[in-house]
PDB file of N, CA and C in Angstrom:
ATOM      1  N   MET A   1      75.965  90.748  84.965  1.00  0.00           N
ATOM      2  CA  MET A   1      76.891  91.528  85.291  1.00  0.00           C
ATOM      3  C   MET A   1      75.606  92.797  85.953  1.00  0.00           C
ATOM      4  N   LYS A   2      75.768  93.889  86.967  1.00  0.00           N
ATOM      5  CA  LYS A   2      74.823  94.725  87.397  1.00  0.00           C
ATOM      6  C   LYS A   2      75.058  95.650  86.355  1.00  0.00           C
ATOM      7  N   LYS A   3      73.886  96.250  86.276  1.00  0.00           N
ATOM      8  CA  LYS A   3      73.465  97.154  85.270  1.00  0.00           C
ATOM      9  C   LYS A   3      73.676  98.800  85.940  1.00  0.00           C
ATOM     10  N   GLY A   4      74.601  99.840  85.117  1.00  0.00           N
ATOM     11  CA  GLY A   4      74.612 101.169  86.261  1.00  0.00           C
ATOM     12  C   GLY A   4      75.950 101.696  86.570  1.00  0.00           C
ATOM     13  N   ILE A   5      76.690 100.282  86.960  1.00  0.00           N
ATOM     14  CA  ILE A   5      77.851 100.993  87.353  1.00  0.00           C
ATOM     15  C   ILE A   5      78.903 101.257  86.438  1.00  0.00           C
ATOM     16  N   HIS A   6      79.051 101.134  85.608  1.00  0.00           N
ATOM     17  CA  HIS A   6      80.069 101.523  84.247  1.00  0.00           C
ATOM     18  C   HIS A   6      79.910 102.746  84.278  1.00  0.00           C
ATOM     19  N   PRO A   7      80.514 103.747  83.725  1.00  0.00           N
ATOM     20  CA  PRO A   7      80.512 104.907  83.374  1.00  0.00           C
ATOM     21  C   PRO A   7      79.978 104.929  81.555  1.00  0.00           C
ATOM     22  N   ASP A   8      79.320 105.974  81.483  1.00  0.00           N
ATOM     23  CA  ASP A   8      79.023 105.637  79.856  1.00  0.00           C
ATOM     24  C   ASP A   8      79.322 106.705  79.089  1.00  0.00           C
ATOM     25  N   ASN A   9      80.236 107.843  80.024  1.00  0.00           N
ATOM     26  CA  ASN A   9      81.163 108.528  78.724  1.00  0.00           C
ATOM     27  C   ASN A   9      83.135 108.486  78.946  1.00  0.00           C
ATOM     28  N   TYR A  10      83.021 107.463  77.985  1.00  0.00           N
ATOM     29  CA  TYR A  10      84.305 106.925  77.509  1.00  0.00           C
ATOM     30  C   TYR A  10      84.360 107.583  75.865  1.00  0.00           C
ATOM     31  N   ARG A  11      85.839 108.260  75.976  1.00  0.00           N
ATOM     32  CA  ARG A  11      86.070 109.082  74.727  1.00  0.00           C
ATOM     33  C   ARG A  11      88.112 108.254  74.656  1.00  0.00           C
ATOM     34  N   MET A  12      88.314 108.974  73.780  1.00  0.00           N
ATOM     35  CA  MET A  12      89.828 108.513  73.361  1.00  0.00           C
ATOM     36  C   MET A  12      90.871 109.644  74.012  1.00  0.00           C
ATOM     37  N   VAL A  13      91.869 108.933  74.661  1.00  0.00           N
ATOM     38  CA  VAL A  13      92.471 110.145  75.456  1.00  0.00           C
ATOM     39  C   VAL A  13      93.477 109.376  75.257  1.00  0.00           C
ATOM     40  N   ALA A  14      95.129 110.622  75.029  1.00  0.00           N
ATOM     41  CA  ALA A  14      96.359 109.986  74.759  1.00  0.00           C
ATOM     42  C   ALA A  14      97.165 110.391  76.090  1.00  0.00           C
ATOM     43  N   PHE A  15      97.851 108.779  75.562  1.00  0.00           N
ATOM     44  CA  PHE A  15      98.833 108.830  77.445  1.00  0.00           C
ATOM     45  C   PHE A  15     100.054 108.996  76.660  1.00  0.00           C
ATOM     46  N   LYS A  16     100.760 109.756  77.740  1.00  0.00           N
ATOM     47  CA  LYS A  16     102.182 109.929  76.993  1.00  0.00           C
ATOM     48  C   LYS A  16     103.470 109.167  77.864  1.00  0.00           C
ATOM     49  N   ASP A  17     104.258 108.459  77.950  1.00  0.00           N
ATOM     50  CA  ASP A  17     105.088 107.688  78.493  1.00  0.00           C
ATOM     51  C   ASP A  17     106.307 109.509  78.399  1.00  0.00           C
ATOM     52  N   MET A  18     106.648 110.213  79.291  1.00  0.00           N
ATOM     53  CA  MET A  18     107.356 111.162  79.536  1.00  0.00           C
ATOM     54  C   MET A  18     108.937 110.979  79.376  1.00  0.00           C
ATOM     55  N   SER A  19     109.356 109.366  79.635  1.00  0.00           N
ATOM     56  CA  SER A  19     111.380 109.236  79.491  1.00  0.00           C
ATOM     57  C   SER A  19     111.162 108.554  78.175  1.00  0.00           C
ATOM     58  N   ASN A  20     109.976 108.666  77.678  1.00  0.00           N
ATOM     59  CA  ASN A  20     110.791 108.046  75.868  1.00  0.00           C
ATOM     60  C   ASN A  20     109.716 108.544  74.939  1.00  0.00           C
ATOM     61  N   GLU A  21     108.686 109.747  75.410  1.00  0.00           N
ATOM     62  CA  GLU A  21     107.854 110.207  74.787  1.00  0.00           C
ATOM     63  C   GLU A  21     106.987 109.468  73.679  1.00  0.00           C
ATOM     64  N   HIS A  22     107.231 108.121  74.520  1.00  0.00           N
ATOM     65  CA  HIS A  22     105.910 107.125  73.855  1.00  0.00           C
ATOM     66  C   HIS A  22     105.008 107.640  73.797  1.00  0.00           C
ATOM     67  N   THR A  23     103.492 107.610  73.028  1.00  0.00           N
ATOM     68  CA  THR A  23     102.064 107.679  73.000  1.00  0.00           C
ATOM     69  C   THR A  23     101.650 107.079  72.293  1.00  0.00           C
ATOM     70  N   PHE A  24     100.311 106.959  73.098  1.00  0.00           N
ATOM     71  CA  PHE A  24      99.550 106.255  72.656  1.00  0.00           C
ATOM     72  C   PHE A  24      98.044 106.226  72.657  1.00  0.00           C
ATOM     73  N   LEU A  25      97.005 105.891  71.936  1.00  0.00           N
ATOM     74  CA  LEU A  25      95.599 106.620  72.259  1.00  0.00           C
ATOM     75  C   LEU A  25      94.738 104.859  72.534  1.00  0.00           C
ATOM     76  N   THR A  26      93.876 105.479  73.853  1.00  0.00           N
ATOM     77  CA  THR A  26      92.552 104.184  74.411  1.00  0.00           C
ATOM     78  C   THR A  26      91.650 105.241  74.573  1.00  0.00           C
ATOM     79  N   ARG A  27      90.424 104.444  74.555  1.00  0.00           N
ATOM     80  CA  ARG A  27      89.281 104.875  75.793  1.00  0.00           C
ATOM     81  C   ARG A  27      89.625 104.968  76.485  1.00  0.00           C
ATOM     82  N   SER A  28      89.010 106.544  77.919  1.00  0.00           N
ATOM     83  CA  SER A  28      89.024 106.127  78.773  1.00  0.00           C
ATOM     84  C   SER A  28      88.073 107.581  79.822  1.00  0.00           C
ATOM     85  N   THR A  29      87.873 107.461  80.675  1.00  0.00           N
ATOM     86  CA  THR A  29      86.984 108.208  81.291  1.00  0.00           C
ATOM     87  C   THR A  29      87.802 109.307  82.344  1.00  0.00           C
ATOM     88  N   VAL A  30      89.241 109.298  82.190  1.00  0.00           N
ATOM     89  CA  VAL A  30      90.124 109.875  82.541  1.00  0.00           C
ATOM     90  C   VAL A  30      89.837 111.199  82.434  1.00  0.00           C
ATOM     91  N   ASN A  31      89.812 112.102  83.796  1.00  0.00           N
ATOM     92  CA  ASN A  31      90.020 114.011  83.584  1.00  0.00           C
ATOM     93  C   ASN A  31      90.882 114.249  83.629  1.00  0.00           C
ATOM     94  N   THR A  32      91.604 114.825  82.984  1.00  0.00           N
ATOM     95  CA  THR A  32      92.523 116.280  82.631  1.00  0.00           C
ATOM     96  C   THR A  32      92.869 117.597  81.627  1.00  0.00           C
ATOM     97  N   ARG A  33      93.913 118.174  82.454  1.00  0.00           N
ATOM     98  CA  ARG A  33      93.902 119.170  81.794  1.00  0.00           C
ATOM     99  C   ARG A  33      94.471 119.922  80.939  1.00  0.00           C
ATOM    100  N   ASP A  34      94.862 118.639  80.549  1.00  0.00           N
ATOM    101  CA  ASP A  34      96.388 118.828  79.023  1.00  0.00           C
ATOM    102  C   ASP A  34      95.436 117.784  77.996  1.00  0.00           C
ATOM    103  N   SER A  35      96.093 118.907  76.547  1.00  0.00           N
ATOM    104  CA  SER A  35      95.669 117.776  75.785  1.00  0.00           C
ATOM    105  C   SER A  35      96.721 118.305  74.591  1.00  0.00           C
ATOM    106  N   ILE A  36      96.588 117.221  73.732  1.00  0.00           N
ATOM    107  CA  ILE A  36      97.807 117.482  72.831  1.00  0.00           C
ATOM    108  C   ILE A  36      97.449 117.058  71.005  1.00  0.00           C
ATOM    109  N   GLU A  37      97.665 117.437  70.274  1.00  0.00           N
ATOM    110  CA  GLU A  37      97.655 117.024  68.552  1.00  0.00           C
ATOM    111  C   GLU A  37      97.634 116.059  68.106  1.00  0.00           C
ATOM    112  N   ILE A  38      97.057 114.762  67.707  1.00  0.00           N
ATOM    113  CA  ILE A  38      97.868 113.621  66.986  1.00  0.00           C
ATOM    114  C   ILE A  38      97.471 113.840  65.647  1.00  0.00           C
ATOM    115  N   GLU A  39      97.900 113.979  64.368  1.00  0.00           N
ATOM    116  CA  GLU A  39      97.149 113.623  63.383  1.00  0.00           C
ATOM    117  C   GLU A  39      96.414 114.689  62.843  1.00  0.00           C
ATOM    118  N   GLY A  40      96.191 115.958  63.230  1.00  0.00           N
ATOM    119  CA  GLY A  40      95.282 116.850  62.865  1.00  0.00           C
ATOM    120  C   GLY A  40      94.044 116.854  63.817  1.00  0.00           C
ATOM    121  N   THR A  41      94.071 116.148  65.692  1.00  0.00           N
ATOM    122  CA  THR A  41      93.274 115.689  65.852  1.00  0.00           C
ATOM    123  C   THR A  41      93.026 116.045  67.631  1.00  0.00           C
ATOM    124  N   THR A  42      92.824 117.026  68.594  1.00  0.00           N
ATOM    125  CA  THR A  42      93.186 117.018  69.248  1.00  0.00           C
ATOM    126  C   THR A  42      92.493 116.430  70.459  1.00  0.00           C
ATOM    127  N   TYR A  43      93.060 115.661  71.482  1.00  0.00           N
ATOM    128  CA  TYR A  43      92.806 114.903  72.581  1.00  0.00           C
ATOM    129  C   TYR A  43      93.102 114.815  73.680  1.00  0.00           C
ATOM    130  N   PRO A  44      92.364 114.804  74.576  1.00  0.00           N
ATOM    131  CA  PRO A  44      92.929 114.988  76.161  1.00  0.00           C
ATOM    132  C   PRO A  44      94.296 114.140  76.506  1.00  0.00           C
ATOM    133  N   LEU A  45      95.081 114.288  77.251  1.00  0.00           N
ATOM    134  CA  LEU A  45      96.301 114.292  77.530  1.00  0.00           C
ATOM    135  C   LEU A  45      96.579 113.946  78.844  1.00  0.00           C
ATOM    136  N   VAL A  46      97.125 111.995  78.954  1.00  0.00           N
ATOM    137  CA  VAL A  46      97.409 112.129  80.403  1.00  0.00           C
ATOM    138  C   VAL A  46      99.463 111.655  80.764  1.00  0.00           C
ATOM    139  N   LYS A  47      99.728 112.271  81.084  1.00  0.00           N
ATOM    140  CA  LYS A  47     101.411 112.231  81.400  1.00  0.00           C
ATOM    141  C   LYS A  47     101.969 111.260  82.313  1.00  0.00           C
ATOM    142  N   LEU A  48     102.090 110.190  81.922  1.00  0.00           N
ATOM    143  CA  LEU A  48     102.614 109.144  82.711  1.00  0.00           C
ATOM    144  C   LEU A  48     104.394 109.175  83.098  1.00  0.00           C
ATOM    145  N   GLU A  49     104.679 107.968  84.393  1.00  0.00           N
ATOM    146  CA  GLU A  49     106.321 108.334  84.042  1.00  0.00           C
ATOM    147  C   GLU A  49     106.601 107.089  83.565  1.00  0.00           C
ATOM    148  N   ILE A  50     105.970 106.010  83.769  1.00  0.00           N
ATOM    149  CA  ILE A  50     106.688 104.837  82.832  1.00  0.00           C
ATOM    150  C   ILE A  50     105.177 103.963  82.143  1.00  0.00           C
ATOM    151  N   SER A  51     105.569 103.151  81.470  1.00  0.00           N
ATOM    152  CA  SER A  51     104.611 102.629  81.017  1.00  0.00           C
ATOM    153  C   SER A  51     105.718 100.842  80.126  1.00  0.00           C
ATOM    154  N   ASN A  52     104.553 100.561  79.481  1.00  0.00           N
ATOM    155  CA  ASN A  52     105.213  99.327  79.056  1.00  0.00           C
ATOM    156  C   ASN A  52     106.314  99.666  78.046  1.00  0.00           C
ATOM    157  N   THR A  53     106.462 100.452  77.249  1.00  0.00           N
ATOM    158  CA  THR A  53     107.605 101.005  76.208  1.00  0.00           C
ATOM    159  C   THR A  53     109.076 101.204  77.679  1.00  0.00           C
ATOM    160  N   SER A  54     109.018 101.331  78.270  1.00  0.00           N
ATOM    161  CA  SER A  54     109.634 102.045  79.102  1.00  0.00           C
ATOM    162  C   SER A  54     110.486 100.925  81.283  1.00  0.00           C
ATOM    163  N   HIS A  55     109.551 100.340  80.806  1.00  0.00           N
ATOM    164  CA  HIS A  55     109.457  99.420  82.402  1.00  0.00           C
ATOM    165  C   HIS A  55     110.516  98.254  81.829  1.00  0.00           C
ATOM    166  N   PRO A  56     111.416  98.052  82.677  1.00  0.00           N
ATOM    167  CA  PRO A  56     112.455  97.159  82.426  1.00  0.00           C
ATOM    168  C   PRO A  56     111.653  95.782  82.110  1.00  0.00           C
ATOM    169  N   PHE A  57     110.831  95.383  83.064  1.00  0.00           N
ATOM    170  CA  PHE A  57     110.153  93.929  82.836  1.00  0.00           C
ATOM    171  C   PHE A  57     109.744  93.620  81.378  1.00  0.00           C
ATOM    172  N   TYR A  58     109.433  94.149  80.961  1.00  0.00           N
ATOM    173  CA  TYR A  58     109.076  94.518  79.021  1.00  0.00           C
ATOM    174  C   TYR A  58     109.956  94.701  78.173  1.00  0.00           C
ATOM    175  N   THR A  59     111.036  95.843  78.859  1.00  0.00           N
ATOM    176  CA  THR A  59     112.147  96.083  77.911  1.00  0.00           C
ATOM    177  C   THR A  59     113.071  95.140  77.232  1.00  0.00           C
ATOM    178  N   GLY A  60     113.777  94.037  78.884  1.00  0.00           N
ATOM    179  CA  GLY A  60     114.123  93.455  79.163  1.00  0.00           C
ATOM    180  C   GLY A  60     115.777  94.043  79.615  1.00  0.00           C
ATOM    181  N   LYS A  61     115.401  95.760  80.053  1.00  0.00           N
ATOM    182  CA  LYS A  61     117.094  96.116  80.085  1.00  0.00           C
ATOM    183  C   LYS A  61     117.013  96.709  81.490  1.00  0.00           C
ATOM    184  N   MET A  62     117.814  96.828  82.309  1.00  0.00           N
ATOM    185  CA  MET A  62     117.527  97.369  83.316  1.00  0.00           C
ATOM    186  C   MET A  62     118.239  99.056  83.944  1.00  0.00           C
ATOM    187  N   LYS A  63     117.149  99.441  83.047  1.00  0.00           N
ATOM    188  CA  LYS A  63     117.207 100.758  83.293  1.00  0.00           C
ATOM    189  C   LYS A  63     116.602 101.720  84.655  1.00  0.00           C
ATOM    190  N   LEU A  64     116.899 102.229  85.267  1.00  0.00           N
ATOM    191  CA  LEU A  64     116.644 103.508  86.299  1.00  0.00           C
ATOM    192  C   LEU A  64     115.818 104.554  86.380  1.00  0.00           C
ATOM    193  N   VAL A  65     114.546 104.704  86.079  1.00  0.00           N
ATOM    194  CA  VAL A  65     113.602 105.834  85.909  1.00  0.00           C
ATOM    195  C   VAL A  65     112.931 107.021  87.325  1.00  0.00           C
ATOM    196  N   ASP A  66     113.980 108.059  87.303  1.00  0.00           N
ATOM    197  CA  ASP A  66     113.844 108.382  88.353  1.00  0.00           C
ATOM    198  C   ASP A  66     113.526 109.893  88.116  1.00  0.00           C
ATOM    199  N   THR A  67     112.019 110.178  87.998  1.00  0.00           N
ATOM    200  CA  THR A  67     112.205 111.254  87.633  1.00  0.00           C
ATOM    201  C   THR A  67     111.800 112.183  89.119  1.00  0.00           C
ATOM    202  N   ALA A  68     111.827 112.216  89.734  1.00  0.00           N
ATOM    203  CA  ALA A  68     112.427 112.906  90.988  1.00  0.00           C
ATOM    204  C   ALA A  68     113.004 113.372  91.945  1.00  0.00           C
ATOM    205  N   GLY A  69     114.297 112.269  91.622  1.00  0.00           N
ATOM    206  CA  GLY A  69     115.422 112.457  91.888  1.00  0.00           C
ATOM    207  C   GLY A  69     115.216 111.704  93.675  1.00  0.00           C
ATOM    208  N   ARG A  70     114.505 110.746  93.402  1.00  0.00           N
ATOM    209  CA  ARG A  70     114.543 109.516  95.062  1.00  0.00           C
ATOM    210  C   ARG A  70     115.396 109.184  95.135  1.00  0.00           C
ATOM    211  N   VAL A  71     115.894 108.843  93.894  1.00  0.00           N
ATOM    212  CA  VAL A  71     117.269 107.388  94.212  1.00  0.00           C
ATOM    213  C   VAL A  71     118.720 108.180  94.770  1.00  0.00           C
ATOM    214  N   ASP A  72     118.312 109.317  93.980  1.00  0.00           N
ATOM    215  CA  ASP A  72     119.819 110.365  94.297  1.00  0.00           C
ATOM    216  C   ASP A  72     119.893 110.582  95.090  1.00  0.00           C
ATOM    217  N   LYS A  73     118.440 111.135  96.214  1.00  0.00           N
ATOM    218  CA  LYS A  73     118.542 111.581  97.471  1.00  0.00           C
ATOM    219  C   LYS A  73     118.565 110.372  98.739  1.00  0.00           C
ATOM    220  N   PHE A  74     118.137 109.190  98.252  1.00  0.00           N
ATOM    221  CA  PHE A  74     118.349 107.955  99.071  1.00  0.00           C
ATOM    222  C   PHE A  74     120.122 107.873  98.941  1.00  0.00           C
ATOM    223  N   LYS A  75     120.385 107.679  98.064  1.00  0.00           N
ATOM    224  CA  LYS A  75     122.173 107.045  98.450  1.00  0.00           C
ATOM    225  C   LYS A  75     122.875 108.267  98.913  1.00  0.00           C
ATOM    226  N   LYS A  76     122.966 109.501  98.899  1.00  0.00           N
ATOM    227  CA  LYS A  76     123.068 110.927  99.655  1.00  0.00           C
ATOM    228  C   LYS A  76     123.257 110.501 101.225  1.00  0.00           C
ATOM    229  N   ARG A  77     121.760 110.253 101.585  1.00  0.00           N
ATOM    230  CA  ARG A  77     121.482 110.219 103.100  1.00  0.00           C
ATOM    231  C   ARG A  77     122.261 108.961 103.179  1.00  0.00           C
ATOM    232  N   TYR A  78     122.170 107.987 102.523  1.00  0.00           N
ATOM    233  CA  TYR A  78     122.379 106.510 103.079  1.00  0.00           C
ATOM    234  C   TYR A  78     124.377 106.444 102.957  1.00  0.00           C
ATOM    235  N   SER A  79     124.491 107.248 102.043  1.00  0.00           N
ATOM    236  CA  SER A  79     126.445 107.407 102.097  1.00  0.00           C
ATOM    237  C   SER A  79     126.780 107.994 103.281  1.00  0.00           C
ATOM    238  N   GLN A  80     126.175 109.396 103.834  1.00  0.00           N
ATOM    239  CA  GLN A  80     126.406 109.686 104.665  1.00  0.00           C
ATOM    240  C   GLN A  80     126.375 108.951 106.225  1.00  0.00           C
ATOM    241  N   HIS A  81     125.752 108.227 106.304  1.00  0.00           N
ATOM    242  CA  HIS A  81     125.259 107.073 106.977  1.00  0.00           C
ATOM    243  C   HIS A  81     125.952 106.290 107.412  1.00  0.00           C
ATOM    244  N   MET A  82     126.820 105.477 105.976  1.00  0.00           N
ATOM    245  CA  MET A  82     127.272 104.298 106.038  1.00  0.00           C
ATOM    246  C   MET A  82     129.124 105.209 106.842  1.00  0.00           C
ATOM    247  N   ASP A  83     129.436 106.323 106.406  1.00  0.00           N
ATOM    248  CA  ASP A  83     130.470 106.932 106.596  1.00  0.00           C
ATOM    249  C   ASP A  83     130.438 106.946 108.177  1.00  0.00           C
ATOM    250  N   LYS A  84     129.341 107.295 108.797  1.00  0.00           N
ATOM    251  CA  LYS A  84     130.115 107.336 109.944  1.00  0.00           C
ATOM    252  C   LYS A  84     130.131 106.094 110.652  1.00  0.00           C
ATOM    253  N   ARG A  85     129.480 105.246 110.254  1.00  0.00           N
ATOM    254  CA  ARG A  85     129.691 103.542 110.609  1.00  0.00           C
ATOM    255  C   ARG A  85     131.398 103.431 110.373  1.00  0.00           C
ATOM    256  N   VAL A  86     131.670 103.376 109.469  1.00  0.00           N
ATOM    257  CA  VAL A  86     133.391 103.531 109.024  1.00  0.00           C
ATOM    258  C   VAL A  86     134.122 103.819 110.221  1.00  0.00           C
ATOM    259  N   GLN A  87     133.844 105.886 110.157  1.00  0.00           N
ATOM    260  CA  GLN A  87     134.692 105.889 111.151  1.00  0.00           C
ATOM    261  C   GLN A  87     134.975 105.673 112.619  1.00  0.00           C
ATOM    262  N   LYS A  88     133.813 105.043 113.180  1.00  0.00           N
ATOM    263  CA  LYS A  88     133.788 104.303 114.674  1.00  0.00           C
ATOM    264  C   LYS A  88     134.988 102.568 114.479  1.00  0.00           C
TER     265      LYS A  88
END
């Protein structure tokens, strides 16, 4: 293995799935501005849109997670396009 290519500033970081509020701790070097207190200890916080606890592949449920409204915007635009095609 090459020496000196891996960072040496690992620390405990909390990752929080914003869709189901699941939080887990792991070692990471990621930079973040947010923090969270877990059991009396403050950790840097990384917010996730999806994790293994909410992803359909891992949960077996076909649940659509759309935090930015992108799917709704697409459906609205596409329905307008299809309405024009039907009228012709």
